[in-house]
C-alpha cells in the first residue's frame, strides 16, 4: 500500500470507503468533514492506495499540545493485513515530526474489535470522560 496525502479528486472514493466501514453518522456530512479537514492541516489527511484503489484513510490533527486520530478506515476485504497499522504509523510519524508527544483517539465503547486493534498498536484505555458539545 502506498500512503499519500488526500487529494480533492479522492472525495467520492473516500466517502464510499467511510460508508462501507460504517463511519458515516447522520449528524456529520462526510463531504463537509473533508472540507473542514482541508482547511486545517490537510497534510495530516492520509489515504492508502493499492492498485489505484483507496483502501485506507486516517485524519490526524495536532494543536501543539496533543495529537488526535480520526476517521481510520480500511476496506473490509483487506482488513487484518496490516494496512490499518501502516496508515496509523504514518500519521503518528507525521505528528511526531511536528513535536507531538502523545496521541489521543476516541472509540465507541461498544466497538470492541477496534479497541483491540488500537491496544495491539500500543494505545491504552485511559480512565477519562469524553465530553462534547455540538454547535
Protein backbone atom coordinates (compact mmCIF):
# COMPACT_ATOMS: atom_id res chain seq x y z
CA UNK A 1 0.00 0.00 0.00
CA UNK A 2 1.24 3.45 -0.90
CA UNK A 3 0.34 6.14 1.64
CA UNK A 4 -0.08 9.70 0.44
CA UNK A 5 -1.85 12.93 1.31
CA UNK A 6 -5.53 13.16 0.37
CA UNK A 7 -6.28 14.87 -2.95
CA UNK A 8 -9.55 16.59 -3.86
CA UNK A 9 -10.18 14.01 -6.58
CA UNK A 10 -10.30 11.32 -3.85
CA UNK A 11 -13.52 12.64 -2.29
CA UNK A 12 -16.09 10.21 -3.71
CA UNK A 13 -13.87 7.17 -3.13
CA UNK A 14 -13.12 8.23 0.45
CA UNK A 15 -16.80 8.87 1.23
CA UNK A 16 -17.68 5.46 -0.18
CA UNK A 17 -14.97 3.78 1.93
CA UNK A 18 -16.25 5.54 5.05
CA UNK A 19 -19.80 4.48 4.20
CA UNK A 20 -18.70 0.86 3.68
CA UNK A 21 -16.83 0.91 7.01
CA UNK A 22 -19.76 2.44 8.93
CA UNK A 23 -18.01 5.72 9.76
CA UNK A 24 -20.76 7.97 8.46
CA UNK A 25 -23.27 9.12 11.05
CA UNK A 26 -26.37 11.25 10.43
CA UNK A 27 -25.06 14.33 12.23
CA UNK A 28 -21.80 14.54 10.20
CA UNK A 29 -21.88 15.18 6.47
CA UNK A 30 -18.71 13.43 5.22
CA UNK A 31 -18.11 15.95 2.43
CA UNK A 32 -18.29 18.80 4.93
CA UNK A 33 -15.93 16.93 7.26
CA UNK A 34 -13.46 16.61 4.39
CA UNK A 35 -13.72 20.33 3.59
CA UNK A 36 -13.11 21.19 7.25
CA UNK A 37 -10.03 18.99 7.33
CA UNK A 38 -8.68 20.50 4.13
CA UNK A 39 -8.87 23.92 5.82
CA UNK A 40 -6.71 22.79 8.77
CA UNK A 41 -3.57 20.68 8.43
CA UNK A 42 -4.56 19.00 5.15
CA UNK A 43 -1.14 17.32 5.11
CA UNK A 44 -2.40 15.18 8.02
CA UNK A 45 -5.23 13.63 5.98
CA UNK A 46 -3.78 10.42 4.58
CA UNK A 47 -5.07 7.80 2.19
CA UNK A 48 -3.70 4.37 1.47
CA UNK A 49 -3.79 3.28 -2.17
CA UNK A 50 -3.41 -0.20 -3.64
CA UNK A 51 -3.77 -0.74 -7.38
CA UNK A 52 -5.20 2.79 -7.75
CA UNK A 53 -7.91 1.92 -5.21
CA UNK A 54 -8.25 3.89 -1.95
CA UNK A 55 -8.24 1.17 0.67
CA UNK A 56 -7.46 3.12 3.86
CA UNK A 57 -7.81 6.58 5.39
CA UNK A 58 -6.86 8.39 8.53
CA UNK A 59 -7.11 12.01 9.61
CA UNK A 60 -4.75 13.41 12.20
CA UNK A 61 -4.52 16.73 13.96
CA UNK A 62 -2.11 18.48 16.29
CA UNK A 63 -2.88 21.53 18.39
CA UNK A 64 0.59 21.99 19.87
CA UNK A 65 -0.37 20.01 22.97
CA UNK A 66 -1.85 16.68 21.85
CA UNK A 67 -2.31 14.83 18.62
CA UNK A 68 -5.54 13.20 17.59
CA UNK A 69 -6.51 10.46 15.15
CA UNK A 70 -9.86 10.36 13.39
CA UNK A 71 -11.61 8.55 10.57
CA UNK A 72 -9.43 5.47 10.39
CA UNK A 73 -10.92 3.16 7.79
CA UNK A 74 -9.68 0.08 5.98
CA UNK A 75 -11.78 -1.56 3.31
CA UNK A 76 -13.33 -4.71 4.85
CA UNK A 77 -11.91 -7.14 2.28
CA UNK A 78 -8.36 -6.06 3.20
CA UNK A 79 -8.67 -5.80 6.97
CA UNK A 80 -6.34 -7.84 9.17
CA UNK A 81 -3.48 -7.48 6.68
CA UNK A 82 -1.59 -4.69 8.44
CA UNK A 83 -2.94 -1.79 6.41
CA UNK A 84 -4.55 -0.11 9.41
CA UNK A 85 -1.28 -0.38 11.32
CA UNK A 86 0.65 1.09 8.40
CA UNK A 87 -1.55 4.14 7.95
CA UNK A 88 -1.77 4.80 11.71
CA UNK A 89 2.02 4.58 11.97
CA UNK A 90 2.36 7.02 9.05
CA UNK A 91 0.04 9.50 10.76
CA UNK A 92 1.82 9.11 14.10
CA UNK A 93 5.19 9.67 12.39
CA UNK A 94 3.90 12.94 10.91
CA UNK A 95 2.58 14.02 14.30
CA UNK A 96 5.90 13.14 15.95
CA UNK A 97 7.74 15.22 13.35
CA UNK A 98 5.61 18.19 14.42
CA UNK A 99 6.74 17.73 18.04
CA UNK A 100 3.71 15.78 19.24
CA UNK A 101 4.45 13.53 22.22
CA UNK A 102 1.02 12.00 22.86
CA UNK A 103 -1.76 10.91 20.55
CA UNK A 104 -5.39 10.58 21.58
CA UNK A 105 -8.33 8.99 19.84
CA UNK A 106 -11.88 8.09 20.64
CA UNK A 107 -13.65 4.80 20.03
CA UNK A 108 -17.22 3.94 20.86
CA UNK A 109 -17.12 1.67 23.94
CA UNK A 110 -19.22 -0.92 22.12
CA UNK A 111 -16.67 -1.21 19.28
CA UNK A 112 -14.54 -3.85 20.98
CA UNK A 113 -12.89 -5.03 17.76
CA UNK A 114 -11.44 -1.57 17.12
CA UNK A 115 -10.42 -1.19 20.76
CA UNK A 116 -8.47 -4.44 20.47
CA UNK A 117 -6.84 -3.18 17.25
CA UNK A 118 -5.60 0.00 18.93
CA UNK A 119 -4.39 -1.91 22.00
CA UNK A 120 -2.22 -4.03 19.71
CA UNK A 121 -0.70 -0.77 18.44
CA UNK A 122 0.21 0.24 22.00
CA UNK A 123 -2.72 2.52 22.80
CA UNK A 124 -4.21 2.21 26.27
CA UNK A 125 -7.69 2.84 27.60
CA UNK A 126 -7.50 5.89 29.85
CA UNK A 127 -9.92 6.48 32.68
CA UNK A 128 -11.28 9.74 31.32
CA UNK A 129 -14.67 11.10 30.50
CA UNK A 130 -15.02 12.36 26.97
CA UNK A 131 -17.29 15.34 26.71
CA UNK A 132 -18.56 17.22 23.70
CA UNK A 133 -20.94 19.92 22.62
CA UNK A 134 -22.44 20.26 19.15
CA UNK A 135 -22.95 23.64 17.59
